[in-house]
């Protein structure tokens, strides 16, 4: 499980960085989204991925941390997903406005679209 999770984080981060280096605006937006997914998976993995365990301490059990899932990374990832959705929507609106003004979504403006 840990190997698959780390490979997924690495592939998402690597693909995101590669897309960030592309000259097209849409590819940069997708690259930022992939990097945010990689960071979300990383934060989520820091909370000890445990299946079927309660996130809050049950007074009937001993206060052993191995019996519980950490709710803080889950809350942070949920908040990050909402923020990433809002910023992606904002970037897409800016992309459409920029394309409307310049006629292209290329960063240096040399490429034209018809």
Protein backbone atom coordinates (compact mmCIF):
# COMPACT_ATOMS: atom_id res chain seq x y z
CA UNK A 1 0.00 0.00 0.00
CA UNK A 2 2.79 2.43 0.89
CA UNK A 3 4.64 1.72 -2.37
CA UNK A 4 1.55 2.36 -4.48
CA UNK A 5 0.78 5.56 -2.58
CA UNK A 6 4.33 6.88 -2.92
CA UNK A 7 4.42 6.01 -6.62
CA UNK A 8 1.11 7.82 -7.14
CA UNK A 9 2.43 10.90 -5.32
CA UNK A 10 5.64 10.83 -7.38
CA UNK A 11 3.86 10.41 -10.71
CA UNK A 12 1.36 13.18 -9.93
CA UNK A 13 4.09 15.57 -8.75
CA UNK A 14 6.37 14.78 -11.70
CA UNK A 15 3.58 15.16 -14.24
CA UNK A 16 2.48 18.39 -12.60
CA UNK A 17 5.97 19.89 -12.71
CA UNK A 18 6.37 18.83 -16.36
CA UNK A 19 3.06 20.50 -17.25
CA UNK A 20 4.02 23.64 -15.32
CA UNK A 21 7.03 24.03 -17.60
CA UNK A 22 4.87 23.97 -20.75
CA UNK A 23 4.18 27.30 -22.52
CA UNK A 24 0.40 26.88 -22.78
CA UNK A 25 -1.83 28.34 -20.07
CA UNK A 26 -4.24 25.40 -19.93
CA UNK A 27 -1.36 22.96 -19.39
CA UNK A 28 -0.07 25.12 -16.54
CA UNK A 29 -3.51 25.02 -14.89
CA UNK A 30 -3.67 21.24 -15.21
CA UNK A 31 -0.10 21.01 -13.82
CA UNK A 32 -1.09 23.06 -10.77
CA UNK A 33 -4.07 20.77 -10.23
CA UNK A 34 -1.89 17.65 -10.42
CA UNK A 35 0.58 19.10 -7.94
CA UNK A 36 -2.26 19.96 -5.55
CA UNK A 37 -3.51 16.35 -5.84
CA UNK A 38 0.00 15.09 -5.03
CA UNK A 39 0.23 17.36 -2.00
CA UNK A 40 -3.23 16.25 -0.83
CA UNK A 41 -2.20 12.59 -1.07
CA UNK A 42 1.02 13.37 0.80
CA UNK A 43 -0.83 15.14 3.62
CA UNK A 44 -3.39 12.34 3.76
CA UNK A 45 -0.64 9.71 3.98
CA UNK A 46 0.95 11.53 6.92
CA UNK A 47 -2.16 10.73 8.96
CA UNK A 48 -1.42 6.99 8.99
CA UNK A 49 -3.72 5.46 6.41
CA UNK A 50 -5.83 3.12 8.57
CA UNK A 51 -8.98 1.46 7.30
CA UNK A 52 -12.03 0.91 9.49
CA UNK A 53 -10.78 2.73 12.58
CA UNK A 54 -12.69 5.55 14.31
CA UNK A 55 -11.22 9.08 14.07
CA UNK A 56 -12.23 10.06 17.63
CA UNK A 57 -11.03 8.42 20.85
CA UNK A 58 -13.54 5.99 22.31
CA UNK A 59 -13.54 6.03 26.13
CA UNK A 60 -14.17 2.25 26.23
CA UNK A 61 -10.85 1.55 24.48
CA UNK A 62 -7.41 2.30 25.75
CA UNK A 63 -5.91 5.59 24.61
CA UNK A 64 -3.51 3.82 22.24
CA UNK A 65 -2.93 5.90 19.11
CA UNK A 66 -2.59 2.82 16.91
CA UNK A 67 -6.35 2.16 17.26
CA UNK A 68 -7.40 5.50 15.77
CA UNK A 69 -7.19 7.39 12.49
CA UNK A 70 -5.88 10.95 12.69
CA UNK A 71 -8.74 13.32 11.72
CA UNK A 72 -6.54 16.40 11.20
CA UNK A 73 -5.00 15.37 7.84
CA UNK A 74 -8.47 14.40 6.61
CA UNK A 75 -9.81 17.84 7.52
CA UNK A 76 -6.81 19.56 5.92
CA UNK A 77 -7.20 17.59 2.69
CA UNK A 78 -10.93 18.30 2.54
CA UNK A 79 -10.25 22.02 2.96
CA UNK A 80 -7.47 21.88 0.35
CA UNK A 81 -9.79 20.20 -2.16
CA UNK A 82 -12.34 23.01 -1.80
CA UNK A 83 -9.67 25.70 -2.12
CA UNK A 84 -8.08 23.97 -5.13
CA UNK A 85 -11.46 23.77 -6.86
CA UNK A 86 -12.06 27.49 -6.32
CA UNK A 87 -8.59 28.51 -7.54
CA UNK A 88 -8.87 26.24 -10.59
CA UNK A 89 -12.19 27.86 -11.47
CA UNK A 90 -10.59 31.31 -11.05
CA UNK A 91 -7.63 30.32 -13.25
CA UNK A 92 -9.99 29.06 -15.96
CA UNK A 93 -11.91 32.35 -15.94
CA UNK A 94 -8.63 34.24 -16.21
CA UNK A 95 -7.58 31.92 -19.06
CA UNK A 96 -10.80 32.62 -20.96
CA UNK A 97 -10.46 36.38 -20.41
CA UNK A 98 -6.82 36.34 -21.51
CA UNK A 99 -7.67 34.32 -24.60
CA UNK A 100 -10.45 36.77 -25.42
CA UNK A 101 -8.10 39.75 -25.17
CA UNK A 102 -5.08 38.31 -26.96
CA UNK A 103 -6.61 35.65 -29.22
CA UNK A 104 -4.23 32.97 -27.93
CA UNK A 105 -3.48 31.06 -24.75
CA UNK A 106 0.23 30.80 -25.53
CA UNK A 107 2.43 32.46 -22.89
CA UNK A 108 4.65 34.46 -25.25
CA UNK A 109 1.73 35.35 -27.53
CA UNK A 110 3.50 34.27 -30.74
CA UNK A 111 1.14 31.46 -31.62
CA UNK A 112 -2.23 32.47 -33.06
CA UNK A 113 -5.44 30.47 -33.17
CA UNK A 114 -8.24 30.87 -35.67
